[in-house]
C-alpha atoms as a PDB file:
ATOM      1  CA  UNK A   1      -0.099   0.074   0.005  1.00  0.00           C
ATOM      2  CA  UNK A   2       1.265   4.037  -0.798  1.00  0.00           C
ATOM      3  CA  UNK A   3       1.189   5.669   1.994  1.00  0.00           C
ATOM      4  CA  UNK A   4       0.062   8.757  -0.460  1.00  0.00           C
ATOM      5  CA  UNK A   5      -3.258   6.799  -0.742  1.00  0.00           C
ATOM      6  CA  UNK A   6      -3.670   6.173   2.488  1.00  0.00           C
ATOM      7  CA  UNK A   7      -3.198   9.640   3.373  1.00  0.00           C
ATOM      8  CA  UNK A   8      -5.430  10.946   0.293  1.00  0.00           C
ATOM      9  CA  UNK A   9      -8.134   8.934   1.142  1.00  0.00           C
ATOM     10  CA  UNK A  10      -8.619   9.030   4.571  1.00  0.00           C
ATOM     11  CA  UNK A  11      -8.632  13.018   3.734  1.00  0.00           C
ATOM     12  CA  UNK A  12     -11.283  12.996   1.471  1.00  0.00           C
ATOM     13  CA  UNK A  13     -13.461  10.708   4.055  1.00  0.00           C
ATOM     14  CA  UNK A  14     -12.822  13.111   6.740  1.00  0.00           C
ATOM     15  CA  UNK A  15     -13.467  16.040   3.847  1.00  0.00           C
ATOM     16  CA  UNK A  16     -16.582  14.612   2.799  1.00  0.00           C
ATOM     17  CA  UNK A  17     -18.341  14.017   6.765  1.00  0.00           C
ATOM     18  CA  UNK A  18     -17.287  17.636   7.337  1.00  0.00           C
ATOM     19  CA  UNK A  19     -19.400  18.381   3.711  1.00  0.00           C
ATOM     20  CA  UNK A  20     -21.812  15.976   5.402  1.00  0.00           C
ATOM     21  CA  UNK A  21     -22.251  18.678   9.280  1.00  0.00           C
ATOM     22  CA  UNK A  22     -22.131  21.502   7.230  1.00  0.00           C
ATOM     23  CA  UNK A  23     -25.173  20.289   5.118  1.00  0.00           C
ATOM     24  CA  UNK A  24     -27.360  18.898   7.803  1.00  0.00           C
ATOM     25  CA  UNK A  25     -26.407  22.395  10.170  1.00  0.00           C
ATOM     26  CA  UNK A  26     -28.060  24.373   6.567  1.00  0.00           C
ATOM     27  CA  UNK A  27     -31.164  22.745   6.155  1.00  0.00           C
ATOM     28  CA  UNK A  28     -31.650  21.874  10.095  1.00  0.00           C
ATOM     29  CA  UNK A  29     -30.815  18.983  11.551  1.00  0.00           C
ATOM     30  CA  UNK A  30     -28.277  19.813  13.802  1.00  0.00           C
ATOM     31  CA  UNK A  31     -29.071  22.832  15.934  1.00  0.00           C
ATOM     32  CA  UNK A  32     -26.706  24.806  18.298  1.00  0.00           C
ATOM     33  CA  UNK A  33     -24.472  26.776  15.630  1.00  0.00           C
ATOM     34  CA  UNK A  34     -24.593  29.474  14.158  1.00  0.00           C
ATOM     35  CA  UNK A  35     -24.674  27.777  10.684  1.00  0.00           C
ATOM     36  CA  UNK A  36     -27.938  26.293  11.258  1.00  0.00           C
ATOM     37  CA  UNK A  37     -30.470  27.153   9.020  1.00  0.00           C
ATOM     38  CA  UNK A  38     -28.514  28.911   6.804  1.00  0.00           C
ATOM     39  CA  UNK A  39     -28.971  29.223   2.817  1.00  0.00           C
ATOM     40  CA  UNK A  40     -24.958  29.554   2.382  1.00  0.00           C
ATOM     41  CA  UNK A  41     -23.797  26.068   4.365  1.00  0.00           C
ATOM     42  CA  UNK A  42     -26.741  23.708   2.628  1.00  0.00           C
ATOM     43  CA  UNK A  43     -25.117  24.849  -0.260  1.00  0.00           C
ATOM     44  CA  UNK A  44     -21.190  24.692   0.289  1.00  0.00           C
ATOM     45  CA  UNK A  45     -22.183  21.588   2.960  1.00  0.00           C
ATOM     46  CA  UNK A  46     -23.682  19.233   0.024  1.00  0.00           C
ATOM     47  CA  UNK A  47     -20.826  20.303  -2.937  1.00  0.00           C
ATOM     48  CA  UNK A  48     -18.349  20.121   0.402  1.00  0.00           C
ATOM     49  CA  UNK A  49     -19.990  16.624   0.857  1.00  0.00           C
ATOM     50  CA  UNK A  50     -19.595  14.879  -3.149  1.00  0.00           C
ATOM     51  CA  UNK A  51     -16.265  16.200  -3.699  1.00  0.00           C
ATOM     52  CA  UNK A  52     -14.982  14.309  -0.794  1.00  0.00           C
ATOM     53  CA  UNK A  53     -16.708  11.119  -1.750  1.00  0.00           C
ATOM     54  CA  UNK A  54     -15.583  11.755  -5.292  1.00  0.00           C
ATOM     55  CA  UNK A  55     -11.684  12.368  -3.591  1.00  0.00           C
ATOM     56  CA  UNK A  56     -12.089   9.083  -1.090  1.00  0.00           C
ATOM     57  CA  UNK A  57     -13.787   7.020  -4.411  1.00  0.00           C
ATOM     58  CA  UNK A  58     -10.679   7.723  -6.303  1.00  0.00           C
ATOM     59  CA  UNK A  59      -7.627   7.139  -3.316  1.00  0.00           C
ATOM     60  CA  UNK A  60      -9.520   3.746  -3.081  1.00  0.00           C
ATOM     61  CA  UNK A  61      -9.429   2.791  -6.508  1.00  0.00           C
ATOM     62  CA  UNK A  62      -6.184   3.289  -6.585  1.00  0.00           C
ATOM     63  CA  UNK A  63      -5.332   1.549  -3.898  1.00  0.00           C
ATOM     64  CA  UNK A  64      -7.407  -1.781  -5.072  1.00  0.00           C
ATOM     65  CA  UNK A  65      -5.449  -1.824  -8.341  1.00  0.00           C
ATOM     66  CA  UNK A  66      -2.292  -2.145  -6.350  1.00  0.00           C
END
């Protein structure tokens, strides 16, 4: 296993988790934050989550080929 791909996989998962949290706050599911019920985070969160998933999947595919 190449450490670069493992690091990229971990980074993609972390970015996807942050995006999911931001999206849930933006949609008002997670309350208690200034980000709650804010349209900005309802847009930024899902975009960030998708980017994280794409990075993680691309890294996973490169890891599984080796």
